[in-house]
Amino acid sequence: MADLISLKGIKRHYDVGGEIVRALDGVDLTIQQNEYISIMGPSGSGKSTLMNMIGCLDTPTEGVYEFEGELVHAMDDNQLASIRNRKIGFVFQTFNLLPKATALRNVEVPLIYANISRSERVEKAEKALNAVGLNDRMHHKPNELSGGQRQRVAIARALVNDPSILLADEPTGNLDSKSGVEIMKILDSLHDDGNTIILVTHEEYIAEHADRTIRLFDGKIKDDLKKERVREARIAEEPIKTAPRAFLEKPTEVSKSGSKVVFEPPLEVPAPEITPGPVETSKEIREWSELKKTFYDVNEQSIRESWIEYDPKLSGKELEAQVQSELKGNTSIISKLENNPVQYLKEEVKRYEDWIRTATKDDIENGMVKDWTGYLKDVNDLLNTLKSVKASL
């Protein structure tokens, strides 16, 4: 059987201040269809660079990369974008969901960029959500879903284009232990259904779900180990991550398996005398503060990941242009919101009213008008709240 992915003599070197950094320094790797692979290594080992290489987000300084017979190492930005769009589904540890869109809508959006008809989009999105066990949560928005359910939506979004591989970078990194186990069961099930899955992780118990583990060190493959599948036993003995309060407690006993730690209760400390403090920020102001961070992201990496997930056909130059444009725009918006939120919200209301009034038939059929209307209602509600808060100050 032909290799799904073949890397031969892959090197990726960077010039940092006149010093050559060898992020990858001669990697040979083949991946077959329906393999379940974990990539591990310490910080600086090259695992993120290898993930970017496999995901066609970067090209090698030297070496040959073939993906289903296509020579990736020789491709330009537009060709790399085409490969990402057709063959790769990305899942990052940050969910990158549209906050005011339903789960179904979030999964459907990449298909809008792919110019697929409305009826086919809905059918594909429903199928992907069914595959991750969210058939009963399709019409819920992200704030109505748990962390594990949000990551399932992100996985469904990655699956919706029927990719050749699912590339997951620390998929449980933002989840509690229970939700992390649920997500790994979903990935296990998707692999059982025939999907090729590549995990990048620093957690041993996550890596053990895979049938093959590749360990990197100083830009080279140190180990490439295949193992028999013992998934049920692994899930039953998943290590349990403790709550943050464990940092205040004293460990007294470690089990032989090393999977659990028993803690003594913390020493009781007399409660300090309570002195009058500042008045608690109102619920409305706290909500607006959270909404700002949700809608107007100023984290460059999460903006980049979001565009990769929603519109993978963007070329490298187009992707960076979108990221920098959104970053600049959102930074400006945050500044306006800090200085005069009511005035900015009035402008936001007018902008969305204009969009709705001048909407085209395609905007209506694609569901954009419905999205704008929902957002307009939220902004109007918040505007009225802030006006009343301001009046009471």
Protein backbone atom coordinates (compact mmCIF):
# COMPACT_ATOMS: atom_id res chain seq x y z
CA MET A 1 0.00 0.00 0.00
CA ALA A 2 1.35 3.46 -0.91
CA ASP A 3 2.31 5.79 1.93
CA LEU A 4 -0.19 8.47 2.87
CA ILE A 5 2.65 10.76 3.97
CA SER A 6 6.37 10.41 3.30
CA LEU A 7 9.09 12.67 4.72
CA LYS A 8 12.67 12.05 3.60
CA GLY A 9 15.67 13.98 4.93
CA ILE A 10 13.48 16.86 6.09
CA LYS A 11 15.35 19.83 7.50
CA ARG A 12 13.96 23.15 8.67
CA HIS A 13 16.56 25.72 9.63
CA TYR A 14 15.98 29.30 10.76
CA ASP A 15 18.41 32.21 10.83
CA VAL A 16 17.92 33.93 14.19
CA GLY A 17 20.18 36.92 14.57
CA GLY A 18 22.87 35.33 12.45
CA GLU A 19 22.67 32.02 14.31
CA ILE A 20 21.28 28.96 12.51
CA VAL A 21 18.60 27.15 14.52
CA ARG A 22 18.05 23.56 13.34
CA ALA A 23 14.40 23.05 14.29
CA LEU A 24 14.29 19.85 12.18
CA ASP A 25 17.58 18.29 11.24
CA GLY A 26 17.08 15.27 9.01
CA VAL A 27 13.67 13.68 9.70
CA ASP A 28 12.61 10.51 7.88
CA LEU A 29 8.99 9.47 8.49
CA THR A 30 6.24 7.56 6.71
CA ILE A 31 2.58 7.50 7.74
CA GLN A 32 0.03 4.99 6.49
CA GLN A 33 -3.70 5.49 6.11
CA ASN A 34 -5.66 4.90 9.35
CA GLU A 35 -2.61 5.17 11.58
CA TYR A 36 -2.99 6.71 15.05
CA ILE A 37 0.23 8.56 15.86
CA SER A 38 1.40 10.70 18.77
CA ILE A 39 4.33 13.10 18.46
CA MET A 40 6.18 13.94 21.68
CA GLY A 41 9.30 15.76 22.77
CA PRO A 42 10.56 18.42 25.17
CA SER A 43 10.27 22.13 24.46
CA GLY A 44 12.52 23.01 21.53
CA SER A 45 12.67 19.43 20.25
CA GLY A 46 10.97 20.32 16.94
CA LYS A 47 7.51 18.81 17.48
CA SER A 48 5.66 22.06 16.68
CA THR A 49 7.79 22.55 13.57
CA LEU A 50 7.06 18.96 12.49
CA MET A 51 3.34 19.53 13.04
CA ASN A 52 3.50 22.68 10.88
CA MET A 53 5.39 20.72 8.22
CA ILE A 54 2.89 17.83 8.15
CA GLY A 55 0.02 20.36 8.22
CA CYS A 56 1.41 22.19 5.17
CA LEU A 57 1.78 25.40 7.17
CA ASP A 58 5.48 25.47 6.36
CA THR A 59 7.92 24.01 3.81
CA PRO A 60 11.32 22.40 4.46
CA THR A 61 14.69 24.03 4.00
CA GLU A 62 15.78 20.71 2.55
CA GLY A 63 14.24 17.30 1.91
CA VAL A 64 11.27 15.65 0.20
CA TYR A 65 7.67 15.71 1.49
CA GLU A 66 5.01 13.70 -0.36
CA PHE A 67 1.33 13.76 0.62
CA GLU A 68 -0.73 11.17 -1.28
CA GLY A 69 1.74 11.43 -4.16
CA GLU A 70 1.82 15.24 -4.28
CA LEU A 71 5.23 16.89 -3.79
CA VAL A 72 4.52 19.29 -0.95
CA HIS A 73 8.12 20.49 -0.57
CA ALA A 74 7.99 22.06 -4.05
CA MET A 75 4.65 23.86 -3.60
CA ASP A 76 3.99 27.59 -3.45
CA ASP A 77 1.65 29.27 -0.94
CA ASN A 78 -1.49 28.78 -3.03
CA GLN A 79 -0.78 25.08 -3.59
CA LEU A 80 -0.11 24.55 0.12
CA ALA A 81 -3.43 26.23 0.91
CA SER A 82 -5.19 23.89 -1.51
CA ILE A 83 -3.68 20.84 0.24
CA ARG A 84 -4.77 22.16 3.67
CA ASN A 85 -8.27 22.81 2.39
CA ARG A 86 -8.71 19.40 0.75
CA LYS A 87 -6.77 17.03 2.96
CA ILE A 88 -6.17 18.29 6.51
CA GLY A 89 -8.46 18.89 9.48
CA PHE A 90 -6.95 20.97 12.31
CA VAL A 91 -7.85 20.79 16.00
CA PHE A 92 -6.07 23.18 18.41
CA GLN A 93 -6.27 23.33 22.19
CA THR A 94 -8.15 26.65 21.98
CA PHE A 95 -11.57 25.92 20.51
CA ASN A 96 -11.78 29.09 18.34
CA LEU A 97 -15.57 28.96 18.02
CA LEU A 98 -17.77 31.83 16.85
CA PRO A 99 -19.36 32.87 20.18
CA LYS A 100 -22.77 33.87 18.87
CA ALA A 101 -23.21 30.99 16.41
CA THR A 102 -24.71 27.59 17.17
CA ALA A 103 -22.66 24.41 17.09
CA LEU A 104 -24.21 23.58 13.71
CA ARG A 105 -23.34 27.00 12.33
CA ASN A 106 -19.74 26.80 13.62
CA VAL A 107 -19.23 23.49 11.83
CA GLU A 108 -20.93 24.78 8.69
CA VAL A 109 -18.80 27.93 8.25
CA PRO A 110 -15.74 26.27 6.58
CA LEU A 111 -18.12 24.92 3.93
CA ILE A 112 -19.30 28.47 3.17
CA TYR A 113 -15.71 29.39 2.34
CA ALA A 114 -15.61 26.26 0.15
CA ASN A 115 -18.67 27.54 -1.80
CA ILE A 116 -20.83 24.51 -0.98
CA SER A 117 -24.62 24.86 -1.23
CA ARG A 118 -26.69 25.53 1.88
CA SER A 119 -28.49 22.16 1.89
CA GLU A 120 -25.25 20.20 1.46
CA ARG A 121 -23.54 22.27 4.15
CA VAL A 122 -26.23 21.50 6.72
CA GLU A 123 -26.19 17.81 5.83
CA LYS A 124 -22.40 17.58 6.20
CA ALA A 125 -22.35 19.62 9.42
CA GLU A 126 -25.07 17.46 10.99
CA LYS A 127 -23.17 14.31 10.02
CA ALA A 128 -19.94 15.62 11.58
CA LEU A 129 -21.70 16.60 14.82
CA ASN A 130 -23.36 13.18 14.98
CA ALA A 131 -19.89 11.61 14.63
CA VAL A 132 -18.73 13.36 17.82
CA GLY A 133 -21.92 12.65 19.78
CA LEU A 134 -23.47 16.13 19.68
CA ASN A 135 -26.65 15.39 17.75
CA ASP A 136 -28.69 16.74 20.69
CA ARG A 137 -26.62 19.95 21.09
CA MET A 138 -26.51 21.20 17.50
CA HIS A 139 -28.47 24.36 18.18
CA HIS A 140 -26.63 25.37 21.34
CA LYS A 141 -24.14 28.24 21.36
CA PRO A 142 -20.63 27.89 22.83
CA ASN A 143 -21.57 29.52 26.16
CA GLU A 144 -24.26 26.82 26.53
CA LEU A 145 -21.72 24.00 26.10
CA SER A 146 -19.11 22.52 28.42
CA GLY A 147 -15.41 22.72 27.55
CA GLY A 148 -15.44 19.13 26.34
CA GLN A 149 -18.49 19.78 24.16
CA ARG A 150 -16.85 22.87 22.64
CA GLN A 151 -13.81 20.80 21.71
CA ARG A 152 -16.15 18.23 20.14
CA VAL A 153 -17.59 21.04 17.98
CA ALA A 154 -14.02 21.95 16.96
CA ILE A 155 -13.34 18.31 16.05
CA ALA A 156 -16.58 18.16 14.03
CA ARG A 157 -15.52 21.33 12.19
CA ALA A 158 -12.18 19.65 11.37
CA LEU A 159 -14.01 16.58 10.03
CA VAL A 160 -16.62 18.37 7.93
CA ASN A 161 -14.48 18.45 4.74
CA ASP A 162 -13.68 14.70 5.00
CA PRO A 163 -9.91 15.28 5.40
CA SER A 164 -7.23 12.66 4.79
CA ILE A 165 -5.72 13.33 8.22
CA LEU A 166 -6.87 14.87 11.48
CA LEU A 167 -4.03 16.89 13.03
CA ALA A 168 -4.62 17.63 16.73
CA ASP A 169 -2.27 19.93 18.66
CA GLU A 170 -2.67 19.40 22.44
CA PRO A 171 -6.42 18.69 21.99
CA THR A 172 -7.03 18.29 25.75
CA GLY A 173 -4.74 21.14 26.84
CA ASN A 174 -7.59 23.45 27.91
CA LEU A 175 -9.79 20.76 29.46
CA ASP A 176 -10.23 19.24 32.89
CA SER A 177 -9.37 15.57 33.38
CA LYS A 178 -12.90 14.23 32.83
CA SER A 179 -13.46 16.24 29.64
CA GLY A 180 -10.01 15.24 28.42
CA VAL A 181 -10.91 11.56 28.75
CA GLU A 182 -14.14 12.18 26.81
CA ILE A 183 -12.27 13.88 23.96
CA MET A 184 -9.74 11.05 23.75
CA LYS A 185 -12.60 8.53 23.54
CA ILE A 186 -14.01 10.57 20.63
CA LEU A 187 -10.64 10.52 18.84
CA ASP A 188 -10.29 6.78 19.53
CA SER A 189 -13.73 6.20 18.01
CA LEU A 190 -12.92 8.33 14.96
CA HIS A 191 -9.77 6.27 14.43
CA ASP A 192 -11.81 3.07 14.71
CA ASP A 193 -14.03 4.47 11.95
CA GLY A 194 -11.04 4.72 9.61
CA ASN A 195 -9.64 8.22 10.20
CA THR A 196 -5.90 8.90 10.28
CA ILE A 197 -5.07 10.84 13.44
CA ILE A 198 -1.85 12.61 14.41
CA LEU A 199 -1.60 13.98 17.96
CA VAL A 200 0.98 16.45 19.21
CA THR A 201 1.15 16.25 23.00
CA HIS A 202 3.45 16.45 26.00
CA GLU A 203 1.18 14.21 28.13
CA GLU A 204 2.23 10.56 28.33
CA TYR A 205 -1.28 9.30 29.06
CA ILE A 206 -2.62 11.13 25.99
CA ALA A 207 0.16 9.73 23.79
CA GLU A 208 -0.65 6.21 24.97
CA HIS A 209 -3.98 6.32 23.13
CA ALA A 210 -2.05 6.19 19.87
CA ASP A 211 -0.72 2.98 18.35
CA ARG A 212 2.58 4.60 17.46
CA THR A 213 4.64 7.21 19.33
CA ILE A 214 7.33 9.35 17.74
CA ARG A 215 9.71 11.13 20.11
CA LEU A 216 11.78 14.07 18.92
CA PHE A 217 14.97 15.48 20.41
CA ASP A 218 17.07 18.31 18.97
CA GLY A 219 15.23 18.19 15.65
CA LYS A 220 15.72 14.47 15.09
CA ILE A 221 13.54 11.41 15.67
CA LYS A 222 14.86 9.74 18.81
CA ASP A 223 12.29 6.92 19.00
CA ASP A 224 9.56 5.59 16.70
CA LEU A 225 7.67 2.93 18.61
CA LYS A 226 4.63 0.91 17.61
CA LYS A 227 2.59 -0.95 20.18
CA GLU A 228 -0.41 -3.22 20.53
CA ARG A 229 -3.67 -1.50 21.31
CA VAL A 230 -4.78 -1.80 24.93
CA ARG A 231 -7.21 1.08 24.89
CA GLU A 232 -9.86 -0.14 27.33
CA ALA A 233 -7.31 -0.83 30.02
CA ARG A 234 -5.71 2.59 29.48
CA ILE A 235 -8.99 4.47 29.78
CA ALA A 236 -9.88 2.64 32.99
CA GLU A 237 -6.58 3.74 34.54
CA GLU A 238 -6.40 7.31 33.24
CA PRO A 239 -4.39 9.50 35.64
CA ILE A 240 -6.60 11.91 37.50
CA LYS A 241 -5.61 15.55 37.47
CA THR A 242 -6.37 17.18 40.79
CA ALA A 243 -8.03 20.53 41.28
CA PRO A 244 -5.80 23.56 41.88
CA ARG A 245 -6.35 23.26 45.64
CA ALA A 246 -3.94 20.34 45.57
CA PHE A 247 -1.11 22.86 45.52
CA LEU A 248 -2.12 23.83 49.05
CA GLU A 249 -2.11 20.27 50.32
CA LYS A 250 0.55 17.88 51.46
CA PRO A 251 0.98 14.57 49.55
CA THR A 252 1.19 11.64 51.95
CA GLU A 253 0.92 8.54 49.80
CA VAL A 254 1.68 7.67 46.19
CA SER A 255 0.20 4.50 44.70
CA LYS A 256 2.54 2.00 43.06
CA SER A 257 0.95 2.66 39.69
CA GLY A 258 1.71 6.38 40.05
CA SER A 259 -1.71 7.21 38.65
CA LYS A 260 -3.21 8.79 41.77
CA VAL A 261 -1.96 10.82 44.72
CA VAL A 262 -3.74 10.88 48.09
CA PHE A 263 -3.72 14.23 49.88
CA GLU A 264 -4.16 15.25 53.47
CA PRO A 265 -6.56 18.13 54.02
CA PRO A 266 -4.76 21.47 54.23
CA LEU A 267 -4.03 23.00 57.62
CA GLU A 268 -6.80 25.29 58.79
CA VAL A 269 -5.70 28.90 58.82
CA PRO A 270 -7.63 31.40 60.97
CA ALA A 271 -9.71 33.71 58.82
CA PRO A 272 -8.17 37.18 58.59
CA GLU A 273 -10.07 40.22 59.74
CA ILE A 274 -12.12 41.53 56.85
CA THR A 275 -11.67 45.18 56.03
CA PRO A 276 -13.95 47.13 53.74
CA GLY A 277 -12.92 46.74 50.09
CA PRO A 278 -13.93 48.22 46.79
CA VAL A 279 -17.47 47.71 45.59
CA GLU A 280 -17.75 44.61 43.37
CA THR A 281 -17.94 45.33 39.66
CA SER A 282 -21.49 45.00 38.39
CA LYS A 283 -22.59 41.84 36.60
CA GLU A 284 -23.22 43.84 33.43
CA ILE A 285 -19.73 45.36 33.39
CA ARG A 286 -18.17 41.92 34.02
CA GLU A 287 -20.21 40.49 31.14
CA TRP A 288 -19.07 43.29 28.84
CA SER A 289 -15.44 42.75 29.84
CA GLU A 290 -15.77 39.07 28.93
CA LEU A 291 -17.59 39.88 25.69
CA LYS A 292 -14.76 42.18 24.62
CA LYS A 293 -12.22 39.40 25.05
CA THR A 294 -14.46 36.91 23.25
CA PHE A 295 -15.42 39.01 20.24
CA TYR A 296 -12.30 41.10 19.81
CA ASP A 297 -9.39 38.72 20.24
CA VAL A 298 -5.97 40.39 20.50
CA ASN A 299 -3.96 37.17 20.78
CA GLU A 300 -2.09 36.78 17.49
CA GLN A 301 -1.67 33.01 17.76
CA SER A 302 -5.34 32.27 18.47
CA ILE A 303 -6.40 34.57 15.60
CA ARG A 304 -4.07 32.66 13.28
CA GLU A 305 -5.35 29.26 14.45
CA SER A 306 -8.95 30.40 14.02
CA TRP A 307 -8.36 31.40 10.37
CA ILE A 308 -6.55 28.10 9.68
CA GLU A 309 -9.54 26.15 11.04
CA TYR A 310 -12.26 28.15 9.31
CA ASP A 311 -10.61 28.95 5.96
CA PRO A 312 -7.69 26.54 5.33
CA LYS A 313 -7.50 27.48 1.65
CA LEU A 314 -5.91 30.85 2.50
CA SER A 315 -2.33 31.04 1.24
CA GLY A 316 0.45 31.87 3.70
CA LYS A 317 0.54 35.52 2.63
CA GLU A 318 -3.26 35.82 2.70
CA LEU A 319 -3.36 34.17 6.14
CA GLU A 320 -0.80 36.59 7.61
CA ALA A 321 -2.58 39.55 6.02
CA GLN A 322 -5.89 38.46 7.62
CA VAL A 323 -4.22 37.90 11.00
CA GLN A 324 -2.49 41.28 11.06
CA SER A 325 -5.59 43.09 9.79
CA GLU A 326 -7.81 41.48 12.46
CA LEU A 327 -5.22 42.05 15.18
CA LYS A 328 -4.88 45.74 14.27
CA GLY A 329 -8.65 46.20 13.98
CA ASN A 330 -9.42 44.43 17.26
CA THR A 331 -6.72 46.35 19.13
CA SER A 332 -8.27 49.60 17.88
CA ILE A 333 -11.76 48.43 18.87
CA ILE A 334 -10.64 47.46 22.38
CA SER A 335 -9.15 50.92 22.82
CA LYS A 336 -12.46 52.53 21.77
CA LEU A 337 -14.40 50.27 24.11
CA GLU A 338 -12.15 51.20 27.02
CA ASN A 339 -12.59 54.94 26.37
CA ASN A 340 -16.24 55.22 25.30
CA PRO A 341 -18.11 51.88 25.15
CA VAL A 342 -21.57 53.40 24.69
CA GLN A 343 -20.49 55.45 21.67
CA TYR A 344 -18.78 52.48 20.05
CA LEU A 345 -21.79 50.22 20.63
CA LYS A 346 -24.05 52.80 18.97
CA GLU A 347 -21.74 52.69 15.93
CA GLU A 348 -21.78 48.87 16.04
CA VAL A 349 -25.60 48.83 16.06
CA LYS A 350 -25.75 51.16 13.05
CA ARG A 351 -23.20 49.06 11.14
CA TYR A 352 -25.17 45.84 11.60
CA GLU A 353 -28.49 47.52 10.83
CA ASP A 354 -26.99 48.74 7.55
CA TRP A 355 -25.70 45.25 6.71
CA ILE A 356 -29.10 43.71 7.37
CA ARG A 357 -30.91 46.40 5.35
CA THR A 358 -28.64 45.92 2.32
CA ALA A 359 -28.32 42.11 2.57
CA THR A 360 -28.27 40.10 -0.65
CA LYS A 361 -30.13 36.89 -1.41
CA ASP A 362 -26.89 34.96 -0.85
CA ASP A 363 -26.47 36.60 2.58
CA ILE A 364 -29.94 35.38 3.53
CA GLU A 365 -29.46 31.85 2.16
CA ASN A 366 -26.03 31.50 3.79
CA GLY A 367 -27.50 32.38 7.19
CA MET A 368 -25.46 35.59 7.50
CA VAL A 369 -28.53 37.77 8.11
CA LYS A 370 -29.63 35.46 10.91
CA ASP A 371 -26.17 35.74 12.50
CA TRP A 372 -26.14 39.54 12.16
CA THR A 373 -29.63 39.82 13.63
CA GLY A 374 -28.69 37.72 16.67
CA TYR A 375 -25.54 39.74 17.24
CA LEU A 376 -27.45 43.02 16.79
CA LYS A 377 -29.90 41.98 19.52
CA ASP A 378 -27.04 41.13 21.91
CA VAL A 379 -25.32 44.47 21.29
CA ASN A 380 -28.57 46.40 21.72
CA ASP A 381 -29.27 44.62 25.01
CA LEU A 382 -25.78 45.38 26.26
CA LEU A 383 -25.98 48.99 25.07
CA ASN A 384 -29.19 49.53 27.05
CA THR A 385 -27.60 47.93 30.11
CA LEU A 386 -24.49 50.10 29.90
CA LYS A 387 -26.62 53.23 29.46
CA SER A 388 -28.50 52.42 32.67
CA VAL A 389 -25.24 51.64 34.50
CA LYS A 390 -23.73 54.92 33.33
CA ALA A 391 -26.85 56.82 34.44
CA SER A 392 -26.65 55.32 37.93
CA LEU A 393 -22.96 56.21 38.48
